[in-house]
Protein backbone atom coordinates (compact mmCIF):
# COMPACT_ATOMS: atom_id res chain seq x y z
CA MET A 1 12.52 -24.21 48.87
CA PRO A 2 13.14 -23.07 45.27
CA GLU A 3 14.57 -25.59 42.84
CA PRO A 4 18.32 -25.26 42.19
CA LEU A 5 19.01 -23.13 39.14
CA SER A 6 15.36 -22.04 39.06
CA PHE A 7 16.53 -18.49 38.38
CA LEU A 8 18.08 -19.76 35.15
CA THR A 9 14.84 -21.47 34.18
CA ASN A 10 12.93 -18.27 34.84
CA ARG A 11 15.41 -16.30 32.78
CA VAL A 12 15.13 -18.70 29.87
CA SER A 13 11.32 -18.59 29.95
CA TYR A 14 11.50 -14.80 29.99
CA THR A 15 13.73 -14.57 26.95
CA THR A 16 12.44 -17.54 24.93
CA MET A 17 10.99 -16.44 21.63
CA PRO A 18 7.33 -17.23 21.00
CA GLU A 19 6.53 -19.40 18.02
CA LEU A 20 6.19 -17.54 14.76
CA PRO A 21 2.52 -16.71 14.23
CA ASP A 22 0.76 -18.13 11.20
CA ARG A 23 0.63 -15.92 8.14
CA ASP A 24 -2.96 -15.20 7.19
CA PRO A 25 -3.70 -15.52 3.46
CA LEU A 26 -3.87 -11.79 2.84
CA PRO A 27 -3.83 -10.34 -0.68
CA ARG A 28 -0.34 -9.41 -1.86
CA TRP A 29 -1.23 -5.71 -1.89
CA LEU A 30 -1.94 -5.89 1.86
CA ALA A 31 1.06 -8.08 2.71
CA PRO A 32 3.70 -7.29 0.06
CA VAL A 33 6.72 -8.29 2.17
CA PRO A 34 7.78 -11.86 1.25
CA ARG A 35 7.10 -14.45 3.93
CA ALA A 36 10.78 -15.34 4.18
CA VAL A 37 11.61 -11.72 5.02
CA GLU A 38 8.77 -11.52 7.55
CA ASP A 39 9.96 -14.73 9.22
CA LEU A 40 13.55 -13.50 9.32
CA GLY A 41 12.52 -10.21 10.90
CA LEU A 42 10.47 -11.97 13.58
CA ARG A 43 13.23 -14.47 14.33
CA LEU A 44 15.71 -11.61 14.67
CA VAL A 45 13.20 -9.53 16.57
CA TRP A 46 15.67 -8.29 19.20
CA VAL A 47 17.95 -7.05 16.42
CA VAL A 48 14.95 -5.23 14.95
CA VAL A 49 14.17 -3.77 18.38
CA ALA A 50 17.78 -2.60 18.76
CA ILE A 51 17.82 -0.99 15.29
CA ASN A 52 14.62 0.87 16.11
CA LEU A 53 16.05 2.10 19.40
CA VAL A 54 19.18 3.36 17.64
CA GLY A 55 16.95 5.11 15.10
CA THR A 56 14.92 6.60 17.95
CA ALA A 57 18.05 7.97 19.62
CA PHE A 58 19.27 9.43 16.32
CA GLY A 59 15.86 10.99 15.72
CA PHE A 60 15.77 12.70 19.09
CA TRP A 61 19.29 14.00 18.49
CA PHE A 62 18.17 15.30 15.08
CA TYR A 63 15.18 17.16 16.47
CA ALA A 64 17.08 18.51 19.48
CA PHE A 65 20.41 19.51 17.95
CA GLU A 66 20.32 19.33 14.13
CA THR A 67 17.14 21.38 13.73
CA GLY A 68 16.83 22.67 17.31
CA GLN A 69 13.06 22.31 17.02
CA LEU A 70 12.57 20.18 20.12
CA LEU A 71 14.47 22.60 22.36
CA ASP A 72 12.53 25.54 20.91
CA THR A 73 9.15 23.91 21.64
CA PRO A 74 7.33 24.28 25.00
CA LEU A 75 7.86 21.13 27.06
CA VAL A 76 4.15 20.28 27.18
CA MET A 77 4.12 19.77 23.38
CA TRP A 78 7.27 17.67 23.14
CA PRO A 79 5.38 14.38 22.56
CA TRP A 80 4.10 15.75 19.24
CA VAL A 81 7.35 17.07 17.81
CA PRO A 82 9.72 14.11 17.19
CA ASP A 83 7.20 12.13 15.13
CA SER A 84 9.57 9.71 13.36
CA PRO A 85 11.62 8.74 16.43
CA LEU A 86 8.41 8.22 18.36
CA ALA A 87 7.15 5.94 15.59
CA THR A 88 10.31 3.81 15.76
CA LEU A 89 9.99 3.75 19.56
CA PHE A 90 6.43 2.44 19.16
CA ALA A 91 7.77 -0.22 16.79
CA ALA A 92 10.53 -1.25 19.20
CA ALA A 93 8.01 -1.50 22.04
CA ALA A 94 5.47 -3.44 19.95
CA PHE A 95 8.00 -6.00 18.73
CA ALA A 96 9.54 -6.34 22.20
CA SER A 97 6.12 -6.86 23.80
CA TRP A 98 5.33 -9.61 21.32
CA ALA A 99 8.74 -11.26 21.80
CA ARG A 100 8.15 -11.36 25.55
CA GLY A 101 4.82 -13.10 25.00
CA ASN A 102 2.72 -10.10 25.97
CA PRO A 103 1.62 -8.38 22.75
CA ARG A 104 -0.34 -5.17 23.13
CA GLU A 105 -2.77 -4.41 20.33
CA TRP A 106 -2.91 -0.65 20.99
CA LEU A 107 0.87 -0.43 20.88
CA THR A 108 1.07 -2.40 17.64
CA ALA A 109 -1.58 -0.16 16.08
CA LEU A 110 0.38 2.95 17.08
CA ALA A 111 3.52 1.40 15.58
CA PHE A 112 1.68 0.52 12.36
CA PHE A 113 0.20 3.98 11.93
CA GLY A 114 3.38 5.80 12.88
CA ASN A 115 5.64 3.80 10.59
CA ILE A 116 3.24 4.06 7.64
CA ILE A 117 2.59 7.78 8.07
CA LEU A 118 6.12 8.95 8.86
CA GLY A 119 7.78 6.30 6.73
CA LEU A 120 5.97 7.78 3.72
CA TRP A 121 5.77 11.44 4.76
CA THR A 122 9.50 12.01 5.05
CA PRO A 123 10.42 10.60 1.58
CA TYR A 124 7.41 12.46 0.16
CA THR A 125 8.58 15.74 1.67
CA ILE A 126 12.17 15.17 0.54
CA LEU A 127 10.91 14.60 -3.01
CA VAL A 128 8.72 17.72 -2.91
CA PHE A 129 11.69 19.86 -1.86
CA TRP A 130 14.44 17.74 -3.39
CA ASP A 131 16.17 20.69 -5.05
CA VAL A 132 16.44 22.52 -1.71
CA TYR A 133 17.74 19.48 0.12
CA LEU A 134 20.19 18.69 -2.69
CA ALA A 135 21.60 22.21 -2.56
CA GLY A 136 21.81 22.16 1.25
CA PRO A 137 24.83 21.39 3.43
CA SER A 138 23.99 17.72 4.07
CA PRO A 139 22.37 15.99 1.07
CA ALA A 140 23.86 12.64 2.19
CA LEU A 141 21.98 12.91 5.48
CA TYR A 142 18.67 13.37 3.69
CA ALA A 143 19.44 10.52 1.29
CA PHE A 144 19.94 8.31 4.34
CA MET A 145 16.69 9.59 5.85
CA PHE A 146 14.86 8.92 2.58
CA PHE A 147 15.74 5.21 2.52
CA SER A 148 15.67 4.61 6.27
CA HIS A 149 12.12 5.94 6.41
CA LEU A 150 11.06 3.66 3.57
CA ALA A 151 12.41 0.80 5.72
CA MET A 152 9.94 1.94 8.38
CA VAL A 153 7.12 1.22 5.93
CA VAL A 154 8.50 -2.28 5.34
CA GLN A 155 8.52 -3.09 9.05
CA ALA A 156 5.02 -1.68 9.42
CA LEU A 157 3.86 -4.15 6.78
CA VAL A 158 5.18 -7.03 8.90
CA LEU A 159 3.11 -6.09 11.94
CA HIS A 160 0.03 -7.89 10.62
CA ARG A 161 1.74 -11.10 11.75
CA ILE A 162 1.54 -10.08 15.41
CA SER A 163 -1.72 -8.12 15.50
CA GLU A 164 -5.41 -8.51 14.83
CA PHE A 165 -5.90 -4.73 14.53
CA PRO A 166 -9.11 -4.69 16.58
CA PRO A 167 -11.19 -1.54 15.96
CA TRP A 168 -10.62 -0.22 19.49
CA ALA A 169 -6.82 -0.38 18.98
CA VAL A 170 -7.11 1.29 15.58
CA GLY A 171 -9.22 3.92 17.32
CA VAL A 172 -6.38 4.63 19.76
CA ALA A 173 -4.00 5.15 16.83
CA VAL A 174 -6.50 7.34 14.97
CA LEU A 175 -6.96 9.53 18.05
CA TRP A 176 -3.23 9.90 18.62
CA TYR A 177 -2.28 10.65 15.03
CA GLY A 178 -5.43 12.68 14.43
CA PHE A 179 -4.48 14.95 17.31
CA ASP A 180 -0.91 14.98 16.02
CA PHE A 181 -2.15 16.19 12.63
CA ILE A 182 -4.18 18.96 14.28
CA VAL A 183 -1.33 20.36 16.37
CA ASP A 184 1.19 19.92 13.54
CA PHE A 185 -0.75 21.83 10.90
CA LEU A 186 -4.05 23.31 12.08
CA VAL A 187 -4.24 24.41 15.73
CA PRO A 188 -0.86 24.20 17.48
CA ILE A 189 -2.47 24.99 20.91
CA VAL A 190 0.88 25.96 22.45
CA GLY A 191 3.58 27.67 20.41
CA ASP A 192 4.02 27.29 16.66
CA PRO A 193 2.79 24.39 14.49
CA HIS A 194 4.69 21.30 15.61
CA HIS A 195 5.38 19.63 12.25
CA THR A 196 8.94 18.85 11.24
CA VAL A 197 10.86 21.95 10.23
CA LEU A 198 10.49 22.51 6.48
CA PRO A 199 13.42 23.58 4.29
CA VAL A 200 11.45 26.60 3.03
CA PRO A 201 9.10 29.10 4.73
CA ARG A 202 5.61 27.67 5.35
CA ASP A 203 3.94 30.20 3.06
CA THR A 204 6.17 29.46 0.05
CA ASP A 205 4.06 29.02 -3.10
CA VAL A 206 4.70 25.55 -4.52
CA GLY A 207 2.09 25.65 -7.30
CA LEU A 208 -1.64 25.11 -7.82
CA GLY A 209 -2.31 27.77 -5.21
CA ALA A 210 -0.81 25.63 -2.45
CA THR A 211 1.83 26.63 0.05
CA ALA A 212 4.61 24.46 1.43
CA LEU A 213 2.54 23.96 4.57
CA ASP A 214 -0.52 22.94 2.52
CA VAL A 215 1.41 20.32 0.57
CA THR A 216 3.04 18.73 3.59
CA ALA A 217 -0.25 18.76 5.50
CA ALA A 218 -1.98 17.08 2.56
CA GLY A 219 0.63 14.32 2.62
CA THR A 220 0.12 13.71 6.34
CA PHE A 221 -3.65 13.61 5.93
CA ALA A 222 -3.47 11.19 3.00
CA PHE A 223 -1.04 8.84 4.74
CA THR A 224 -3.13 8.83 7.91
CA LEU A 225 -6.19 7.80 5.89
CA LEU A 226 -4.08 5.14 4.17
CA ALA A 227 -2.89 3.69 7.49
CA ALA A 228 -6.46 3.51 8.82
CA TYR A 229 -7.70 1.88 5.62
CA LEU A 230 -4.90 -0.70 5.59
CA ALA A 231 -5.32 -1.61 9.27
CA LEU A 232 -9.07 -2.11 9.05
CA THR A 233 -8.85 -3.94 5.71
CA ILE A 234 -6.20 -6.30 7.10
CA ARG A 235 -8.54 -7.09 9.99
CA SER A 236 -11.45 -7.63 7.63
CA LYS A 237 -9.47 -9.94 5.34
CA LYS A 238 -8.20 -11.94 8.31
CA LEU A 239 -11.74 -12.50 9.56
CA GLU A 240 -12.93 -13.45 6.07
CA ALA A 241 -10.15 -16.00 5.69
CA ARG A 242 -11.02 -17.63 9.00
CA LEU A 243 -14.68 -17.93 8.09
CA ASP A 244 -13.96 -19.70 4.79
């Protein structure tokens, strides 16, 4: 016969937060977020999860109704259109999995890559076309997007506390975001290129012989390489520290 109130015990064990993981002695350039901020974010992990889910919902609304891009894209390619909201969804899932005591390395790697790549790509693109966005109907919206995406980078740089970034998990993220880069800018497979709608035509000359599409593709490529480098270097530095 089950113990009285055992359902409450089970519920508490399900929702109890795991202990904060140790902070590996990583160089400041790999772990620039202060420890106090990292600890606060992990203690308030369900708040962080909720914020990411709100951001995900806003992002899907933006792609579906503000730009109309999602609704104009064939259904089979939908997973590769709303890049930023998918990145925040990965982050919500990664933090929630850790908080429930069941961290998933592949999910954390996807969250790390997505929040680094899209957290940098959107501010980069806004800066490249700042005059167009400033003259548009909703400059306040893009100012919000500029800073909210930088916050995505900050949360990505906390994920080293809950992940070892094993090469196989990094490989999953490289495959996903590598394919995403291909269908966004190179070979869309179905329909048009699936990158975020740009504020100018893709073939607009932006200098140095590059088009608007070239410049935004270059940013995505560079930030994908950066995410891979950071993830593998974090793993390497963690292993070095444990061998000392």
